[in-house]
Amino acid sequence: MRKDSLEIPLCKVTDPPLMGVGEIMNVVPHRPPFLFLDSVLELTDDCAVGIKHVSLSEPCLQGHFPKNPIMPGLLQVEAACQLGHVLASRQVENMSDYWFYLASCKNIRFKKQVVPGDTLLMKVTMVLAFRRGFMGLEWSAFVRGELVSFGEAVAGLSKKTS
């Protein structure tokens, strides 16, 4: 992981979003209850910053330690990859003609629990531009200014057949 990938983004969760849920759903095919991205705050050619508000009413938290609900780590990875999908849409013409999927993950670390009421501030950085249909990403997530999780991922494109 590059050191700058672990630095907290300068924007704040109270900043007005570049994209809300409606605009995100125009890019990302996921829908509730599997949409884990509430807004995008920054978007450049190689970096995206977004947020996920963690709520007790989410289905995944109903049974994930019912008396001590925490956001599953793999859903933090999924939220970051959905933000990566938004970032990829800046690189790929006609993104709606492709499936964007997670191909691999490595060096994932979960440092603190994410609980209902938290706002997950995520940063995804493209570290390898698309080659042969795959791109490399690094992501990090913060709650109240503290690093809670981070990792690396490779995501791929697959042409839709219908």
N, C-alpha and C. Protein backbone atom coordinates (compact mmCIF):
# COMPACT_ATOMS: atom_id res chain seq x y z
N MET A 1 0.85 -1.19 0.00
CA MET A 1 0.00 0.00 0.00
C MET A 1 0.88 1.24 0.00
N ARG A 2 0.49 2.17 -0.85
CA ARG A 2 1.19 3.46 -0.84
C ARG A 2 0.75 4.26 0.37
N LYS A 3 1.66 5.02 0.94
CA LYS A 3 1.35 5.79 2.15
C LYS A 3 0.21 6.78 1.92
N ASP A 4 0.17 7.43 0.74
CA ASP A 4 -0.88 8.41 0.49
C ASP A 4 -2.26 7.77 0.41
N SER A 5 -2.33 6.47 0.17
CA SER A 5 -3.63 5.79 0.16
C SER A 5 -4.23 5.70 1.55
N LEU A 6 -3.39 5.80 2.57
CA LEU A 6 -3.85 5.68 3.95
C LEU A 6 -4.10 7.04 4.60
N GLU A 7 -3.89 8.12 3.87
CA GLU A 7 -4.12 9.45 4.42
C GLU A 7 -5.59 9.81 4.31
N ILE A 8 -6.12 10.40 5.36
CA ILE A 8 -7.53 10.76 5.36
C ILE A 8 -7.80 11.84 4.32
N PRO A 9 -8.88 11.70 3.57
CA PRO A 9 -9.23 12.74 2.59
C PRO A 9 -9.50 14.07 3.28
N LEU A 10 -9.23 15.15 2.58
CA LEU A 10 -9.42 16.49 3.15
C LEU A 10 -10.88 16.90 3.22
N CYS A 11 -11.72 16.31 2.37
CA CYS A 11 -13.14 16.70 2.41
C CYS A 11 -13.78 16.16 3.68
N LYS A 12 -14.90 16.73 4.03
CA LYS A 12 -15.62 16.33 5.24
C LYS A 12 -16.92 15.66 4.86
N VAL A 13 -17.42 14.81 5.75
CA VAL A 13 -18.67 14.10 5.46
C VAL A 13 -19.85 15.07 5.36
N THR A 14 -19.66 16.30 5.85
CA THR A 14 -20.73 17.30 5.76
C THR A 14 -20.67 18.12 4.48
N ASP A 15 -19.61 17.91 3.67
CA ASP A 15 -19.51 18.63 2.40
C ASP A 15 -20.64 18.21 1.47
N PRO A 16 -21.13 19.11 0.63
CA PRO A 16 -22.18 18.72 -0.32
C PRO A 16 -21.64 17.68 -1.30
N PRO A 17 -22.43 16.65 -1.60
CA PRO A 17 -21.94 15.58 -2.47
C PRO A 17 -21.92 15.97 -3.94
N LEU A 18 -20.98 15.36 -4.67
CA LEU A 18 -20.99 15.46 -6.14
C LEU A 18 -22.08 14.55 -6.71
N MET A 19 -22.27 13.41 -6.05
CA MET A 19 -23.27 12.45 -6.48
C MET A 19 -24.03 11.95 -5.25
N GLY A 20 -25.35 11.92 -5.37
CA GLY A 20 -26.18 11.31 -4.34
C GLY A 20 -26.55 9.89 -4.78
N VAL A 21 -27.41 9.25 -4.01
CA VAL A 21 -27.79 7.87 -4.29
C VAL A 21 -28.38 7.72 -5.69
N GLY A 22 -29.21 8.64 -6.12
CA GLY A 22 -29.81 8.55 -7.45
C GLY A 22 -28.78 8.54 -8.56
N GLU A 23 -27.80 9.43 -8.46
CA GLU A 23 -26.74 9.47 -9.48
C GLU A 23 -25.84 8.24 -9.40
N ILE A 24 -25.60 7.77 -8.19
CA ILE A 24 -24.80 6.57 -8.02
C ILE A 24 -25.48 5.38 -8.68
N MET A 25 -26.80 5.26 -8.50
CA MET A 25 -27.52 4.13 -9.10
C MET A 25 -27.59 4.23 -10.62
N ASN A 26 -27.30 5.41 -11.19
CA ASN A 26 -27.18 5.51 -12.64
C ASN A 26 -25.88 4.90 -13.15
N VAL A 27 -24.91 4.71 -12.24
CA VAL A 27 -23.60 4.17 -12.61
C VAL A 27 -23.42 2.74 -12.11
N VAL A 28 -23.76 2.52 -10.85
CA VAL A 28 -23.55 1.22 -10.19
C VAL A 28 -24.84 0.41 -10.29
N PRO A 29 -24.78 -0.86 -10.68
CA PRO A 29 -26.00 -1.65 -10.84
C PRO A 29 -26.63 -2.13 -9.52
N HIS A 30 -25.92 -2.02 -8.42
CA HIS A 30 -26.44 -2.50 -7.14
C HIS A 30 -27.64 -1.68 -6.68
N ARG A 31 -28.52 -2.32 -5.95
CA ARG A 31 -29.70 -1.68 -5.39
C ARG A 31 -29.83 -2.10 -3.93
N PRO A 32 -30.53 -1.30 -3.12
CA PRO A 32 -30.74 -1.71 -1.73
C PRO A 32 -31.42 -3.09 -1.71
N PRO A 33 -31.04 -3.94 -0.81
CA PRO A 33 -30.19 -3.70 0.35
C PRO A 33 -28.70 -3.92 0.09
N PHE A 34 -28.29 -4.06 -1.17
CA PHE A 34 -26.87 -4.33 -1.43
C PHE A 34 -26.14 -3.13 -2.02
N LEU A 35 -26.70 -1.96 -1.91
CA LEU A 35 -26.00 -0.73 -2.29
C LEU A 35 -25.39 -0.16 -1.01
N PHE A 36 -24.08 -0.06 -0.96
CA PHE A 36 -23.38 0.38 0.25
C PHE A 36 -22.63 1.68 0.04
N LEU A 37 -23.18 2.54 -0.79
CA LEU A 37 -22.57 3.83 -1.07
C LEU A 37 -23.68 4.87 -1.08
N ASP A 38 -23.59 5.86 -0.19
CA ASP A 38 -24.63 6.88 -0.06
C ASP A 38 -24.35 8.14 -0.86
N SER A 39 -23.08 8.50 -0.98
CA SER A 39 -22.74 9.69 -1.76
C SER A 39 -21.27 9.66 -2.15
N VAL A 40 -20.97 10.43 -3.19
CA VAL A 40 -19.60 10.61 -3.64
C VAL A 40 -19.26 12.08 -3.42
N LEU A 41 -18.17 12.34 -2.70
CA LEU A 41 -17.78 13.70 -2.36
C LEU A 41 -16.73 14.26 -3.30
N GLU A 42 -15.83 13.40 -3.79
CA GLU A 42 -14.77 13.82 -4.71
C GLU A 42 -14.63 12.76 -5.78
N LEU A 43 -14.28 13.19 -6.98
CA LEU A 43 -14.08 12.25 -8.08
C LEU A 43 -13.11 12.87 -9.07
N THR A 44 -11.95 12.24 -9.20
CA THR A 44 -10.96 12.65 -10.20
C THR A 44 -10.71 11.45 -11.10
N ASP A 45 -9.74 11.58 -12.00
CA ASP A 45 -9.45 10.46 -12.90
C ASP A 45 -8.84 9.26 -12.18
N ASP A 46 -8.20 9.50 -11.02
CA ASP A 46 -7.56 8.37 -10.34
C ASP A 46 -7.93 8.22 -8.87
N CYS A 47 -8.90 8.99 -8.38
CA CYS A 47 -9.27 8.90 -6.97
C CYS A 47 -10.74 9.25 -6.78
N ALA A 48 -11.38 8.54 -5.85
CA ALA A 48 -12.77 8.84 -5.50
C ALA A 48 -12.90 8.80 -3.98
N VAL A 49 -13.73 9.68 -3.46
CA VAL A 49 -14.03 9.72 -2.03
C VAL A 49 -15.54 9.65 -1.89
N GLY A 50 -15.99 8.74 -1.04
CA GLY A 50 -17.43 8.59 -0.84
C GLY A 50 -17.75 8.23 0.59
N ILE A 51 -19.05 8.22 0.90
CA ILE A 51 -19.46 7.89 2.26
C ILE A 51 -20.58 6.86 2.27
N LYS A 52 -20.59 6.13 3.38
CA LYS A 52 -21.65 5.18 3.69
C LYS A 52 -22.06 5.46 5.13
N HIS A 53 -23.35 5.81 5.31
CA HIS A 53 -23.88 6.00 6.65
C HIS A 53 -24.35 4.64 7.15
N VAL A 54 -23.83 4.21 8.26
CA VAL A 54 -24.15 2.88 8.79
C VAL A 54 -25.34 3.02 9.74
N SER A 55 -26.42 2.31 9.42
CA SER A 55 -27.67 2.41 10.18
C SER A 55 -28.05 1.06 10.76
N LEU A 56 -28.63 1.08 11.95
CA LEU A 56 -29.08 -0.14 12.60
C LEU A 56 -30.18 -0.85 11.81
N SER A 57 -30.89 -0.11 10.98
CA SER A 57 -32.00 -0.70 10.23
C SER A 57 -31.54 -1.52 9.02
N GLU A 58 -30.24 -1.55 8.74
CA GLU A 58 -29.75 -2.31 7.60
C GLU A 58 -29.87 -3.81 7.88
N PRO A 59 -30.34 -4.55 6.87
CA PRO A 59 -30.56 -5.99 7.06
C PRO A 59 -29.32 -6.74 7.55
N CYS A 60 -28.13 -6.37 7.07
CA CYS A 60 -26.92 -7.10 7.47
C CYS A 60 -26.62 -6.95 8.95
N LEU A 61 -27.10 -5.89 9.57
CA LEU A 61 -26.81 -5.66 10.99
C LEU A 61 -27.83 -6.33 11.90
N GLN A 62 -28.93 -6.83 11.34
CA GLN A 62 -29.94 -7.46 12.17
C GLN A 62 -29.44 -8.76 12.78
N GLY A 63 -28.58 -9.47 12.05
CA GLY A 63 -28.12 -10.75 12.56
C GLY A 63 -26.63 -10.84 12.76
N HIS A 64 -25.91 -9.76 12.51
CA HIS A 64 -24.46 -9.79 12.68
C HIS A 64 -24.14 -9.30 14.08
N PHE A 65 -24.11 -10.23 15.01
CA PHE A 65 -23.96 -9.97 16.44
C PHE A 65 -25.13 -9.10 16.94
N PRO A 66 -26.33 -9.68 17.03
CA PRO A 66 -27.54 -8.91 17.35
C PRO A 66 -27.45 -8.00 18.58
N LYS A 67 -26.73 -8.39 19.60
CA LYS A 67 -26.64 -7.54 20.79
C LYS A 67 -25.45 -6.59 20.72
N ASN A 68 -24.65 -6.74 19.68
CA ASN A 68 -23.49 -5.88 19.48
C ASN A 68 -23.25 -5.74 17.97
N PRO A 69 -24.17 -5.07 17.25
CA PRO A 69 -24.08 -5.04 15.78
C PRO A 69 -22.85 -4.28 15.29
N ILE A 70 -22.16 -4.89 14.34
CA ILE A 70 -21.03 -4.23 13.66
C ILE A 70 -21.18 -4.46 12.16
N MET A 71 -20.68 -3.52 11.39
CA MET A 71 -20.71 -3.67 9.93
C MET A 71 -19.69 -4.73 9.55
N PRO A 72 -20.13 -5.79 8.85
CA PRO A 72 -19.19 -6.83 8.45
C PRO A 72 -18.04 -6.26 7.63
N GLY A 73 -16.85 -6.75 7.89
CA GLY A 73 -15.67 -6.29 7.17
C GLY A 73 -15.80 -6.46 5.67
N LEU A 74 -16.36 -7.57 5.23
CA LEU A 74 -16.49 -7.79 3.80
C LEU A 74 -17.44 -6.79 3.15
N LEU A 75 -18.38 -6.27 3.91
CA LEU A 75 -19.25 -5.24 3.35
C LEU A 75 -18.53 -3.90 3.27
N GLN A 76 -17.54 -3.70 4.11
CA GLN A 76 -16.69 -2.51 3.96
C GLN A 76 -15.89 -2.62 2.66
N VAL A 77 -15.40 -3.82 2.36
CA VAL A 77 -14.70 -4.05 1.09
C VAL A 77 -15.66 -3.81 -0.07
N GLU A 78 -16.88 -4.33 0.04
CA GLU A 78 -17.88 -4.14 -1.03
C GLU A 78 -18.20 -2.67 -1.23
N ALA A 79 -18.34 -1.92 -0.14
CA ALA A 79 -18.62 -0.49 -0.26
C ALA A 79 -17.48 0.22 -1.00
N ALA A 80 -16.26 -0.11 -0.66
CA ALA A 80 -15.10 0.49 -1.33
C ALA A 80 -15.08 0.11 -2.81
N CYS A 81 -15.42 -1.13 -3.12
CA CYS A 81 -15.43 -1.55 -4.52
C CYS A 81 -16.55 -0.89 -5.31
N GLN A 82 -17.67 -0.62 -4.67
CA GLN A 82 -18.73 0.13 -5.35
C GLN A 82 -18.25 1.55 -5.66
N LEU A 83 -17.49 2.12 -4.75
CA LEU A 83 -16.89 3.43 -5.02
C LEU A 83 -15.86 3.30 -6.15
N GLY A 84 -15.14 2.19 -6.17
CA GLY A 84 -14.22 1.91 -7.27
C GLY A 84 -14.94 1.81 -8.61
N HIS A 85 -16.16 1.30 -8.60
CA HIS A 85 -16.97 1.23 -9.82
C HIS A 85 -17.26 2.64 -10.34
N VAL A 86 -17.59 3.53 -9.44
CA VAL A 86 -17.82 4.93 -9.83
C VAL A 86 -16.54 5.50 -10.43
N LEU A 87 -15.41 5.23 -9.80
CA LEU A 87 -14.12 5.70 -10.32
C LEU A 87 -13.85 5.11 -11.71
N ALA A 88 -14.12 3.83 -11.89
CA ALA A 88 -13.88 3.17 -13.18
C ALA A 88 -14.74 3.77 -14.28
N SER A 89 -15.91 4.25 -13.91
CA SER A 89 -16.80 4.82 -14.93
C SER A 89 -16.19 6.07 -15.57
N ARG A 90 -15.19 6.67 -14.91
CA ARG A 90 -14.48 7.80 -15.50
C ARG A 90 -13.48 7.34 -16.55
N GLN A 91 -13.10 6.07 -16.50
CA GLN A 91 -12.08 5.53 -17.38
C GLN A 91 -12.65 4.80 -18.60
N VAL A 92 -13.89 4.32 -18.48
CA VAL A 92 -14.45 3.42 -19.48
C VAL A 92 -15.64 4.08 -20.17
N GLU A 93 -15.56 4.17 -21.49
CA GLU A 93 -16.71 4.67 -22.25
C GLU A 93 -17.81 3.61 -22.22
N ASN A 94 -19.04 4.05 -22.16
CA ASN A 94 -20.19 3.13 -22.17
C ASN A 94 -20.08 2.08 -21.05
N MET A 95 -19.79 2.54 -19.85
CA MET A 95 -19.63 1.63 -18.70
C MET A 95 -20.85 0.74 -18.52
N SER A 96 -22.02 1.21 -18.90
CA SER A 96 -23.23 0.41 -18.73
C SER A 96 -23.24 -0.83 -19.61
N ASP A 97 -22.31 -0.92 -20.56
CA ASP A 97 -22.20 -2.11 -21.42
C ASP A 97 -21.37 -3.21 -20.77
N TYR A 98 -20.83 -2.95 -19.58
CA TYR A 98 -19.93 -3.89 -18.92
C TYR A 98 -20.37 -4.21 -17.50
N TRP A 99 -20.00 -5.40 -17.05
CA TRP A 99 -20.09 -5.73 -15.63
C TRP A 99 -18.73 -5.37 -15.04
N PHE A 100 -18.75 -4.77 -13.87
CA PHE A 100 -17.54 -4.44 -13.13
C PHE A 100 -17.54 -5.33 -11.91
N TYR A 101 -16.54 -6.17 -11.75
CA TYR A 101 -16.58 -7.13 -10.67
C TYR A 101 -15.23 -7.20 -9.96
N LEU A 102 -15.30 -7.65 -8.72
CA LEU A 102 -14.11 -7.81 -7.90
C LEU A 102 -13.40 -9.09 -8.33
N ALA A 103 -12.12 -8.99 -8.69
CA ALA A 103 -11.36 -10.15 -9.14
C ALA A 103 -10.47 -10.71 -8.03
N SER A 104 -9.90 -9.83 -7.22
CA SER A 104 -9.06 -10.30 -6.11
C SER A 104 -8.87 -9.20 -5.08
N CYS A 105 -8.51 -9.62 -3.88
CA CYS A 105 -8.21 -8.70 -2.77
C CYS A 105 -6.95 -9.20 -2.07
N LYS A 106 -6.21 -8.27 -1.51
CA LYS A 106 -5.07 -8.68 -0.69
C LYS A 106 -4.74 -7.57 0.31
N ASN A 107 -3.96 -7.94 1.29
CA ASN A 107 -3.49 -7.01 2.32
C ASN A 107 -4.62 -6.23 2.97
N ILE A 108 -5.73 -6.90 3.21
CA ILE A 108 -6.88 -6.24 3.86
C ILE A 108 -6.67 -6.28 5.37
N ARG A 109 -6.93 -5.14 5.99
CA ARG A 109 -6.81 -5.04 7.45
C ARG A 109 -8.03 -4.30 7.99
N PHE A 110 -8.54 -4.82 9.11
CA PHE A 110 -9.63 -4.17 9.82
C PHE A 110 -9.09 -3.76 11.18
N LYS A 111 -9.03 -2.46 11.43
CA LYS A 111 -8.37 -1.95 12.61
C LYS A 111 -9.33 -1.61 13.74
N LYS A 112 -10.56 -1.22 13.38
CA LYS A 112 -11.56 -0.86 14.39
C LYS A 112 -12.93 -1.30 13.90
N GLN A 113 -13.84 -1.52 14.83
CA GLN A 113 -15.21 -1.89 14.47
C GLN A 113 -15.96 -0.68 13.93
N VAL A 114 -16.84 -0.94 12.97
CA VAL A 114 -17.73 0.08 12.43
C VAL A 114 -19.14 -0.30 12.90
N VAL A 115 -19.79 0.63 13.60
CA VAL A 115 -21.06 0.32 14.26
C VAL A 115 -22.16 1.26 13.78
N PRO A 116 -23.43 0.90 14.03
CA PRO A 116 -24.52 1.80 13.65
C PRO A 116 -24.31 3.19 14.20
N GLY A 117 -24.59 4.18 13.36
CA GLY A 117 -24.38 5.58 13.72
C GLY A 117 -23.08 6.13 13.15
N ASP A 118 -22.17 5.24 12.76
CA ASP A 118 -20.91 5.69 12.16
C ASP A 118 -21.12 6.11 10.72
N THR A 119 -20.30 7.03 10.27
CA THR A 119 -20.23 7.40 8.87
C THR A 119 -18.87 6.97 8.36
N LEU A 120 -18.90 6.05 7.40
CA LEU A 120 -17.69 5.51 6.82
C LEU A 120 -17.26 6.41 5.67
N LEU A 121 -16.12 7.07 5.83
CA LEU A 121 -15.54 7.92 4.79
C LEU A 121 -14.50 7.07 4.07
N MET A 122 -14.72 6.81 2.77
CA MET A 122 -13.86 5.91 2.02
C MET A 122 -13.11 6.66 0.93
N LYS A 123 -11.89 6.21 0.69
CA LYS A 123 -11.09 6.74 -0.40
C LYS A 123 -10.59 5.56 -1.24
N VAL A 124 -10.81 5.64 -2.54
CA VAL A 124 -10.33 4.62 -3.46
C VAL A 124 -9.40 5.28 -4.46
N THR A 125 -8.22 4.71 -4.63
CA THR A 125 -7.22 5.24 -5.55
C THR A 125 -6.89 4.19 -6.59
N MET A 126 -6.89 4.59 -7.85
CA MET A 126 -6.47 3.68 -8.91
C MET A 126 -4.95 3.66 -8.94
N VAL A 127 -4.37 2.48 -8.76
CA VAL A 127 -2.91 2.36 -8.76
C VAL A 127 -2.41 1.66 -10.02
N LEU A 128 -3.31 1.05 -10.77
CA LEU A 128 -2.97 0.44 -12.05
C LEU A 128 -4.15 0.66 -12.99
N ALA A 129 -3.92 1.42 -14.04
CA ALA A 129 -4.99 1.69 -15.00
C ALA A 129 -5.39 0.40 -15.71
N PHE A 130 -6.56 0.41 -16.33
CA PHE A 130 -7.05 -0.77 -17.01
C PHE A 130 -6.03 -1.33 -17.99
N ARG A 131 -5.72 -2.60 -17.81
CA ARG A 131 -4.90 -3.36 -18.74
C ARG A 131 -5.54 -4.72 -18.88
N ARG A 132 -5.84 -5.09 -20.11
CA ARG A 132 -6.51 -6.37 -20.39
C ARG A 132 -7.80 -6.51 -19.59
N GLY A 133 -8.47 -5.40 -19.37
CA GLY A 133 -9.76 -5.43 -18.68
C GLY A 133 -9.70 -5.42 -17.17
N PHE A 134 -8.54 -5.22 -16.58
CA PHE A 134 -8.40 -5.21 -15.12
C PHE A 134 -7.74 -3.91 -14.67
N MET A 135 -8.15 -3.46 -13.48
CA MET A 135 -7.54 -2.27 -12.88
C MET A 135 -7.18 -2.58 -11.43
N GLY A 136 -6.12 -1.93 -10.94
CA GLY A 136 -5.69 -2.09 -9.56
C GLY A 136 -6.16 -0.92 -8.71
N LEU A 137 -6.65 -1.22 -7.52
CA LEU A 137 -7.18 -0.21 -6.61
C LEU A 137 -6.58 -0.38 -5.22
N GLU A 138 -6.42 0.73 -4.53
CA GLU A 138 -6.15 0.72 -3.10
C GLU A 138 -7.27 1.50 -2.45
N TRP A 139 -7.72 1.04 -1.30
CA TRP A 139 -8.82 1.74 -0.62
C TRP A 139 -8.51 1.84 0.87
N SER A 140 -9.10 2.85 1.46
CA SER A 140 -9.02 3.03 2.91
C SER A 140 -10.33 3.61 3.39
N ALA A 141 -10.66 3.32 4.65
CA ALA A 141 -11.92 3.80 5.23
C ALA A 141 -11.65 4.37 6.62
N PHE A 142 -12.36 5.44 6.91
CA PHE A 142 -12.16 6.18 8.15
C PHE A 142 -13.50 6.44 8.83
N VAL A 143 -13.48 6.47 10.15
CA VAL A 143 -14.62 6.89 10.95
C VAL A 143 -14.10 7.91 11.95
N ARG A 144 -14.71 9.09 11.96
CA ARG A 144 -14.30 10.18 12.86
C ARG A 144 -12.78 10.42 12.80
N GLY A 145 -12.22 10.39 11.60
CA GLY A 145 -10.81 10.69 11.42
C GLY A 145 -9.85 9.56 11.71
N GLU A 146 -10.35 8.39 12.11
CA GLU A 146 -9.48 7.26 12.41
C GLU A 146 -9.59 6.20 11.32
N LEU A 147 -8.46 5.66 10.92
CA LEU A 147 -8.42 4.59 9.94
C LEU A 147 -9.07 3.34 10.53
N VAL A 148 -10.09 2.80 9.85
CA VAL A 148 -10.77 1.61 10.36
C VAL A 148 -10.50 0.38 9.50
N SER A 149 -10.22 0.57 8.20
CA SER A 149 -9.91 -0.57 7.34
C SER A 149 -9.22 -0.09 6.08
N PHE A 150 -8.50 -1.01 5.44
CA PHE A 150 -7.83 -0.67 4.19
C PHE A 150 -7.46 -1.96 3.47
N GLY A 151 -7.13 -1.82 2.20
CA GLY A 151 -6.72 -2.99 1.43
C GLY A 151 -6.47 -2.66 -0.02
N GLU A 152 -6.15 -3.70 -0.75
CA GLU A 152 -5.88 -3.59 -2.18
C GLU A 152 -6.84 -4.52 -2.91
N ALA A 153 -7.20 -4.15 -4.12
CA ALA A 153 -8.13 -4.97 -4.91
C ALA A 153 -7.77 -4.87 -6.38
N VAL A 154 -8.15 -5.91 -7.09
CA VAL A 154 -8.12 -5.88 -8.55
C VAL A 154 -9.56 -6.07 -8.99
N ALA A 155 -9.99 -5.22 -9.90
CA ALA A 155 -11.35 -5.32 -10.42
C ALA A 155 -11.27 -5.49 -11.92
N GLY A 156 -12.27 -6.17 -12.46
CA GLY A 156 -12.25 -6.45 -13.88
C GLY A 156 -13.54 -6.06 -14.57
N LEU A 157 -13.46 -5.98 -15.87
CA LEU A 157 -14.62 -5.68 -16.72
C LEU A 157 -14.96 -6.92 -17.53
N SER A 158 -16.24 -7.12 -17.70
CA SER A 158 -16.72 -8.19 -18.56
C SER A 158 -17.87 -7.64 -19.38
N LYS A 159 -17.80 -7.79 -20.69
CA LYS A 159 -18.83 -7.27 -21.58
C LYS A 159 -20.15 -7.99 -21.31
N LYS A 160 -21.23 -7.21 -21.19
CA LYS A 160 -22.56 -7.80 -21.01
C LYS A 160 -22.97 -8.46 -22.32
N THR A 161 -23.61 -9.61 -22.21
CA THR A 161 -23.98 -10.35 -23.42
C THR A 161 -25.38 -10.05 -23.88
N SER A 162 -26.20 -9.46 -23.01
CA SER A 162 -27.57 -9.15 -23.46
C SER A 162 -27.95 -7.74 -23.13
